[in-house]
Amino acid sequence: MILFLGNIGTGEIIIIAIVVLLLFGGKKIPELMRSLGKGLKQFRDGVKDIKDDLDV
């Protein structure tokens, strides 16, 4: 499934953005992006902690 991500062009990104906008509406998108950012930060912090534990 992840293999196709390297071939995404501008047209596909626009289509995905339109679908997301239609599904969630304009008011929910900032909240979704904020949640996604927090989750990504927690994931990176977890990976960093694991690397630090393995280096010690």
PDB file of N, CA and C in Angstrom:
ATOM      1  N   MET A   1       0.815  -1.187   0.000  1.00  0.00           N
ATOM      2  CA  MET A   1       0.000   0.000   0.000  1.00  0.00           C
ATOM      3  C   MET A   1       0.863   1.257   0.000  1.00  0.00           C
ATOM      4  N   ILE A   2       1.975   1.242   0.720  1.00  0.00           N
ATOM      5  CA  ILE A   2       2.835   2.413   0.807  1.00  0.00           C
ATOM      6  C   ILE A   2       3.644   2.605  -0.476  1.00  0.00           C
ATOM      7  N   LEU A   3       3.786   1.594  -1.277  1.00  0.00           N
ATOM      8  CA  LEU A   3       4.597   1.684  -2.480  1.00  0.00           C
ATOM      9  C   LEU A   3       4.084   2.723  -3.461  1.00  0.00           C
ATOM     10  N   PHE A   4       2.785   2.943  -3.531  1.00  0.00           N
ATOM     11  CA  PHE A   4       2.232   3.892  -4.486  1.00  0.00           C
ATOM     12  C   PHE A   4       2.447   5.343  -4.063  1.00  0.00           C
ATOM     13  N   LEU A   5       2.865   5.587  -2.843  1.00  0.00           N
ATOM     14  CA  LEU A   5       3.015   6.965  -2.370  1.00  0.00           C
ATOM     15  C   LEU A   5       4.123   7.712  -3.104  1.00  0.00           C
ATOM     16  N   GLY A   6       5.112   7.024  -3.646  1.00  0.00           N
ATOM     17  CA  GLY A   6       6.177   7.678  -4.373  1.00  0.00           C
ATOM     18  C   GLY A   6       5.725   8.231  -5.703  1.00  0.00           C
ATOM     19  N   ASN A   7       4.576   7.788  -6.209  1.00  0.00           N
ATOM     20  CA  ASN A   7       4.102   8.196  -7.519  1.00  0.00           C
ATOM     21  C   ASN A   7       2.950   9.194  -7.461  1.00  0.00           C
ATOM     22  N   ILE A   8       2.720   9.813  -6.308  1.00  0.00           N
ATOM     23  CA  ILE A   8       1.615  10.762  -6.189  1.00  0.00           C
ATOM     24  C   ILE A   8       2.042  12.088  -6.801  1.00  0.00           C
ATOM     25  N   GLY A   9       1.216  12.583  -7.699  1.00  0.00           N
ATOM     26  CA  GLY A   9       1.483  13.867  -8.333  1.00  0.00           C
ATOM     27  C   GLY A   9       0.574  14.946  -7.795  1.00  0.00           C
ATOM     28  N   THR A  10       0.660  16.104  -8.400  1.00  0.00           N
ATOM     29  CA  THR A  10      -0.135  17.245  -7.963  1.00  0.00           C
ATOM     30  C   THR A  10      -1.634  16.986  -8.120  1.00  0.00           C
ATOM     31  N   GLY A  11      -2.014  16.366  -9.212  1.00  0.00           N
ATOM     32  CA  GLY A  11      -3.428  16.087  -9.446  1.00  0.00           C
ATOM     33  C   GLY A  11      -4.022  15.172  -8.397  1.00  0.00           C
ATOM     34  N   GLU A  12      -3.267  14.154  -8.027  1.00  0.00           N
ATOM     35  CA  GLU A  12      -3.758  13.218  -7.013  1.00  0.00           C
ATOM     36  C   GLU A  12      -3.876  13.887  -5.651  1.00  0.00           C
ATOM     37  N   ILE A  13      -2.924  14.754  -5.326  1.00  0.00           N
ATOM     38  CA  ILE A  13      -2.978  15.460  -4.049  1.00  0.00           C
ATOM     39  C   ILE A  13      -4.198  16.373  -3.996  1.00  0.00           C
ATOM     40  N   ILE A  14      -4.498  17.038  -5.098  1.00  0.00           N
ATOM     41  CA  ILE A  14      -5.677  17.910  -5.150  1.00  0.00           C
ATOM     42  C   ILE A  14      -6.954  17.099  -4.975  1.00  0.00           C
ATOM     43  N   ILE A  15      -7.040  15.949  -5.622  1.00  0.00           N
ATOM     44  CA  ILE A  15      -8.219  15.085  -5.492  1.00  0.00           C
ATOM     45  C   ILE A  15      -8.382  14.609  -4.054  1.00  0.00           C
ATOM     46  N   ILE A  16      -7.282  14.195  -3.431  1.00  0.00           N
ATOM     47  CA  ILE A  16      -7.334  13.749  -2.034  1.00  0.00           C
ATOM     48  C   ILE A  16      -7.781  14.891  -1.133  1.00  0.00           C
ATOM     49  N   ALA A  17      -7.275  16.103  -1.356  1.00  0.00           N
ATOM     50  CA  ALA A  17      -7.656  17.257  -0.544  1.00  0.00           C
ATOM     51  C   ALA A  17      -9.143  17.560  -0.695  1.00  0.00           C
ATOM     52  N   ILE A  18      -9.659  17.458  -1.907  1.00  0.00           N
ATOM     53  CA  ILE A  18     -11.090  17.711  -2.138  1.00  0.00           C
ATOM     54  C   ILE A  18     -11.939  16.667  -1.430  1.00  0.00           C
ATOM     55  N   VAL A  19     -11.538  15.412  -1.500  1.00  0.00           N
ATOM     56  CA  VAL A  19     -12.289  14.341  -0.829  1.00  0.00           C
ATOM     57  C   VAL A  19     -12.286  14.561   0.677  1.00  0.00           C
ATOM     58  N   VAL A  20     -11.132  14.909   1.248  1.00  0.00           N
ATOM     59  CA  VAL A  20     -11.050  15.164   2.688  1.00  0.00           C
ATOM     60  C   VAL A  20     -11.934  16.345   3.060  1.00  0.00           C
ATOM     61  N   LEU A  21     -11.902  17.390   2.251  1.00  0.00           N
ATOM     62  CA  LEU A  21     -12.741  18.561   2.520  1.00  0.00           C
ATOM     63  C   LEU A  21     -14.223  18.207   2.486  1.00  0.00           C
ATOM     64  N   LEU A  22     -14.617  17.379   1.527  1.00  0.00           N
ATOM     65  CA  LEU A  22     -16.022  16.972   1.432  1.00  0.00           C
ATOM     66  C   LEU A  22     -16.434  16.079   2.597  1.00  0.00           C
ATOM     67  N   LEU A  23     -15.539  15.205   3.029  1.00  0.00           N
ATOM     68  CA  LEU A  23     -15.873  14.280   4.118  1.00  0.00           C
ATOM     69  C   LEU A  23     -15.943  14.973   5.473  1.00  0.00           C
ATOM     70  N   PHE A  24     -15.005  15.865   5.758  1.00  0.00           N
ATOM     71  CA  PHE A  24     -14.900  16.414   7.102  1.00  0.00           C
ATOM     72  C   PHE A  24     -15.367  17.857   7.215  1.00  0.00           C
ATOM     73  N   GLY A  25     -15.448  18.575   6.126  1.00  0.00           N
ATOM     74  CA  GLY A  25     -15.845  19.970   6.189  1.00  0.00           C
ATOM     75  C   GLY A  25     -14.693  20.872   6.575  1.00  0.00           C
ATOM     76  N   GLY A  26     -14.814  22.131   6.293  1.00  0.00           N
ATOM     77  CA  GLY A  26     -13.737  23.085   6.531  1.00  0.00           C
ATOM     78  C   GLY A  26     -13.422  23.335   7.986  1.00  0.00           C
ATOM     79  N   LYS A  27     -14.406  23.206   8.861  1.00  0.00           N
ATOM     80  CA  LYS A  27     -14.182  23.512  10.275  1.00  0.00           C
ATOM     81  C   LYS A  27     -13.425  22.401  11.005  1.00  0.00           C
ATOM     82  N   LYS A  28     -13.535  21.175  10.545  1.00  0.00           N
ATOM     83  CA  LYS A  28     -12.900  20.046  11.225  1.00  0.00           C
ATOM     84  C   LYS A  28     -11.452  19.836  10.800  1.00  0.00           C
ATOM     85  N   ILE A  29     -11.074  20.342   9.636  1.00  0.00           N
ATOM     86  CA  ILE A  29      -9.737  20.059   9.110  1.00  0.00           C
ATOM     87  C   ILE A  29      -8.622  20.593  10.014  1.00  0.00           C
ATOM     88  N   PRO A  30      -8.680  21.834  10.524  1.00  0.00           N
ATOM     89  CA  PRO A  30      -7.599  22.277  11.428  1.00  0.00           C
ATOM     90  C   PRO A  30      -7.461  21.398  12.661  1.00  0.00           C
ATOM     91  N   GLU A  31      -8.600  20.956  13.194  1.00  0.00           N
ATOM     92  CA  GLU A  31      -8.568  20.074  14.366  1.00  0.00           C
ATOM     93  C   GLU A  31      -7.922  18.729  14.008  1.00  0.00           C
ATOM     94  N   LEU A  32      -8.252  18.193  12.844  1.00  0.00           N
ATOM     95  CA  LEU A  32      -7.656  16.934  12.403  1.00  0.00           C
ATOM     96  C   LEU A  32      -6.154  17.074  12.205  1.00  0.00           C
ATOM     97  N   MET A  33      -5.713  18.166  11.599  1.00  0.00           N
ATOM     98  CA  MET A  33      -4.288  18.379  11.362  1.00  0.00           C
ATOM     99  C   MET A  33      -3.535  18.557  12.676  1.00  0.00           C
ATOM    100  N   ARG A  34      -4.146  19.241  13.623  1.00  0.00           N
ATOM    101  CA  ARG A  34      -3.539  19.428  14.935  1.00  0.00           C
ATOM    102  C   ARG A  34      -3.360  18.077  15.627  1.00  0.00           C
ATOM    103  N   SER A  35      -4.373  17.235  15.569  1.00  0.00           N
ATOM    104  CA  SER A  35      -4.304  15.911  16.173  1.00  0.00           C
ATOM    105  C   SER A  35      -3.256  15.049  15.483  1.00  0.00           C
ATOM    106  N   LEU A  36      -3.196  15.148  14.170  1.00  0.00           N
ATOM    107  CA  LEU A  36      -2.198  14.398  13.415  1.00  0.00           C
ATOM    108  C   LEU A  36      -0.791  14.840  13.802  1.00  0.00           C
ATOM    109  N   GLY A  37      -0.575  16.140  13.947  1.00  0.00           N
ATOM    110  CA  GLY A  37       0.730  16.664  14.352  1.00  0.00           C
ATOM    111  C   GLY A  37       1.134  16.198  15.734  1.00  0.00           C
ATOM    112  N   LYS A  38       0.185  16.204  16.667  1.00  0.00           N
ATOM    113  CA  LYS A  38       0.479  15.735  18.024  1.00  0.00           C
ATOM    114  C   LYS A  38       0.832  14.253  18.027  1.00  0.00           C
ATOM    115  N   GLY A  39       0.095  13.467  17.253  1.00  0.00           N
ATOM    116  CA  GLY A  39       0.387  12.036  17.172  1.00  0.00           C
ATOM    117  C   GLY A  39       1.748  11.768  16.562  1.00  0.00           C
ATOM    118  N   LEU A  40       2.101  12.514  15.527  1.00  0.00           N
ATOM    119  CA  LEU A  40       3.407  12.356  14.888  1.00  0.00           C
ATOM    120  C   LEU A  40       4.524  12.746  15.847  1.00  0.00           C
ATOM    121  N   LYS A  41       4.324  13.807  16.623  1.00  0.00           N
ATOM    122  CA  LYS A  41       5.325  14.230  17.603  1.00  0.00           C
ATOM    123  C   LYS A  41       5.521  13.158  18.673  1.00  0.00           C
ATOM    124  N   GLN A  42       4.440  12.568  19.149  1.00  0.00           N
ATOM    125  CA  GLN A  42       4.542  11.513  20.147  1.00  0.00           C
ATOM    126  C   GLN A  42       5.265  10.298  19.579  1.00  0.00           C
ATOM    127  N   PHE A  43       4.998   9.971  18.321  1.00  0.00           N
ATOM    128  CA  PHE A  43       5.668   8.844  17.683  1.00  0.00           C
ATOM    129  C   PHE A  43       7.166   9.108  17.584  1.00  0.00           C
ATOM    130  N   ARG A  44       7.548  10.305  17.148  1.00  0.00           N
ATOM    131  CA  ARG A  44       8.969  10.647  17.036  1.00  0.00           C
ATOM    132  C   ARG A  44       9.649  10.621  18.397  1.00  0.00           C
ATOM    133  N   ASP A  45       8.960  11.137  19.425  1.00  0.00           N
ATOM    134  CA  ASP A  45       9.530  11.110  20.770  1.00  0.00           C
ATOM    135  C   ASP A  45       9.731   9.676  21.238  1.00  0.00           C
ATOM    136  N   GLY A  46       8.782   8.807  20.944  1.00  0.00           N
ATOM    137  CA  GLY A  46       8.914   7.399  21.315  1.00  0.00           C
ATOM    138  C   GLY A  46      10.076   6.724  20.611  1.00  0.00           C
ATOM    139  N   VAL A  47      10.244   7.012  19.325  1.00  0.00           N
ATOM    140  CA  VAL A  47      11.362   6.440  18.569  1.00  0.00           C
ATOM    141  C   VAL A  47      12.680   6.952  19.128  1.00  0.00           C
ATOM    142  N   LYS A  48      12.729   8.244  19.474  1.00  0.00           N
ATOM    143  CA  LYS A  48      13.944   8.832  20.033  1.00  0.00           C
ATOM    144  C   LYS A  48      14.283   8.171  21.377  1.00  0.00           C
ATOM    145  N   ASP A  49      13.274   7.956  22.213  1.00  0.00           N
ATOM    146  CA  ASP A  49      13.503   7.314  23.512  1.00  0.00           C
ATOM    147  C   ASP A  49      14.055   5.901  23.335  1.00  0.00           C
ATOM    148  N   ILE A  50      13.516   5.175  22.375  1.00  0.00           N
ATOM    149  CA  ILE A  50      13.991   3.810  22.125  1.00  0.00           C
ATOM    150  C   ILE A  50      15.435   3.841  21.649  1.00  0.00           C
ATOM    151  N   LYS A  51      15.757   4.770  20.749  1.00  0.00           N
ATOM    152  CA  LYS A  51      17.145   4.882  20.270  1.00  0.00           C
ATOM    153  C   LYS A  51      18.077   5.237  21.400  1.00  0.00           C
ATOM    154  N   ASP A  52      17.647   6.154  22.289  1.00  0.00           N
ATOM    155  CA  ASP A  52      18.477   6.530  23.432  1.00  0.00           C
ATOM    156  C   ASP A  52      18.700   5.338  24.356  1.00  0.00           C
ATOM    157  N   ASP A  53      17.670   4.538  24.583  1.00  0.00           N
ATOM    158  CA  ASP A  53      17.805   3.356  25.439  1.00  0.00           C
ATOM    159  C   ASP A  53      18.750   2.328  24.821  1.00  0.00           C
ATOM    160  N   LEU A  54      18.732   2.183  23.515  1.00  0.00           N
ATOM    161  CA  LEU A  54      19.585   1.212  22.850  1.00  0.00           C
ATOM    162  C   LEU A  54      21.036   1.679  22.812  1.00  0.00           C
ATOM    163  N   ASP A  55      21.273   2.985  22.788  1.00  0.00           N
ATOM    164  CA  ASP A  55      22.639   3.498  22.743  1.00  0.00           C
ATOM    165  C   ASP A  55      23.331   3.405  24.085  1.00  0.00           C
ATOM    166  N   VAL A  56      22.599   3.366  25.165  1.00  0.00           N
ATOM    167  CA  VAL A  56      23.196   3.332  26.510  1.00  0.00           C
ATOM    168  C   VAL A  56      23.669   1.989  26.857  1.00  0.00           C
TER     169      VAL A  56
END
